[in-house]
Protein backbone atom coordinates (compact mmCIF):
# COMPACT_ATOMS: atom_id res chain seq x y z
CA UNK A 1 -24.09 -150.38 142.51
CA UNK A 2 -21.39 -149.80 145.12
CA UNK A 3 -20.70 -146.42 146.69
CA UNK A 4 -17.86 -145.49 149.05
CA UNK A 5 -17.92 -142.57 151.45
CA UNK A 6 -15.35 -141.31 153.93
CA UNK A 7 -16.43 -141.33 157.58
CA UNK A 8 -14.16 -139.57 160.05
CA UNK A 9 -14.16 -139.89 163.82
CA UNK A 10 -14.59 -143.64 164.30
CA UNK A 11 -12.27 -144.88 167.05
CA UNK A 12 -13.57 -148.34 167.97
CA UNK A 13 -15.69 -151.29 166.91
CA UNK A 14 -18.77 -149.73 168.47
CA UNK A 15 -18.26 -146.68 166.22
CA UNK A 16 -18.11 -148.94 163.17
CA UNK A 17 -21.30 -150.66 164.26
CA UNK A 18 -23.08 -147.35 164.84
CA UNK A 19 -22.18 -146.11 161.35
CA UNK A 20 -23.08 -149.45 159.77
CA UNK A 21 -26.50 -149.47 161.41
CA UNK A 22 -27.16 -145.85 160.40
CA UNK A 23 -26.26 -146.56 156.78
CA UNK A 24 -28.35 -149.74 156.70
CA UNK A 25 -31.41 -147.60 157.50
CA UNK A 26 -31.03 -145.60 154.26
CA UNK A 27 -33.60 -146.60 151.66
CA UNK A 28 -32.14 -148.78 148.90
CA UNK A 29 -29.13 -150.07 150.86
CA UNK A 30 -28.55 -153.82 150.48
CA UNK A 31 -25.14 -154.24 152.18
CA UNK A 32 -22.72 -152.12 154.23
CA UNK A 33 -19.06 -152.60 155.13
CA UNK A 34 -17.38 -150.09 157.46
CA UNK A 35 -13.65 -149.89 158.21
CA UNK A 36 -12.58 -147.39 160.88
CA UNK A 37 -8.87 -147.72 160.06
CA UNK A 38 -9.33 -146.58 156.46
CA UNK A 39 -12.24 -144.30 157.43
CA UNK A 40 -14.28 -145.81 154.60
CA UNK A 41 -17.82 -147.12 154.33
CA UNK A 42 -18.74 -149.16 151.27
CA UNK A 43 -22.44 -149.38 150.53
CA UNK A 44 -24.17 -151.61 148.00
CA UNK A 45 -27.56 -150.75 146.55
CA UNK A 46 -29.33 -148.02 144.65
CA UNK A 47 -28.80 -145.07 146.98
CA UNK A 48 -28.19 -141.35 146.87
CA UNK A 49 -24.73 -140.52 148.23
CA UNK A 50 -26.15 -137.42 149.90
CA UNK A 51 -28.48 -139.62 151.96
CA UNK A 52 -25.53 -141.78 153.05
CA UNK A 53 -23.49 -138.76 154.13
CA UNK A 54 -26.47 -137.37 156.05
CA UNK A 55 -27.06 -140.70 157.81
CA UNK A 56 -23.43 -140.91 158.95
CA UNK A 57 -23.48 -137.29 160.09
CA UNK A 58 -26.79 -137.79 161.93
CA UNK A 59 -25.06 -140.66 163.77
CA UNK A 60 -22.44 -138.18 165.01
CA UNK A 61 -19.59 -138.54 162.52
CA UNK A 62 -18.06 -136.34 159.85
CA UNK A 63 -18.70 -137.78 156.39
CA UNK A 64 -18.21 -136.89 152.75
CA UNK A 65 -18.25 -138.56 149.35
């Protein structure tokens, strides 16, 4: 299953990497693609969207489904 969330506040490649690594730590995630220009993170796996939003926010970004 693929889930997309909006992640605001990414301004560089390091930001993308930080968000990607935070989302990869969520249980059930199998793949993550982050694009700062579109402010989108696409996540594959069986995951709860609330956990994804929390992970991005814990990494310092504003996120929502």
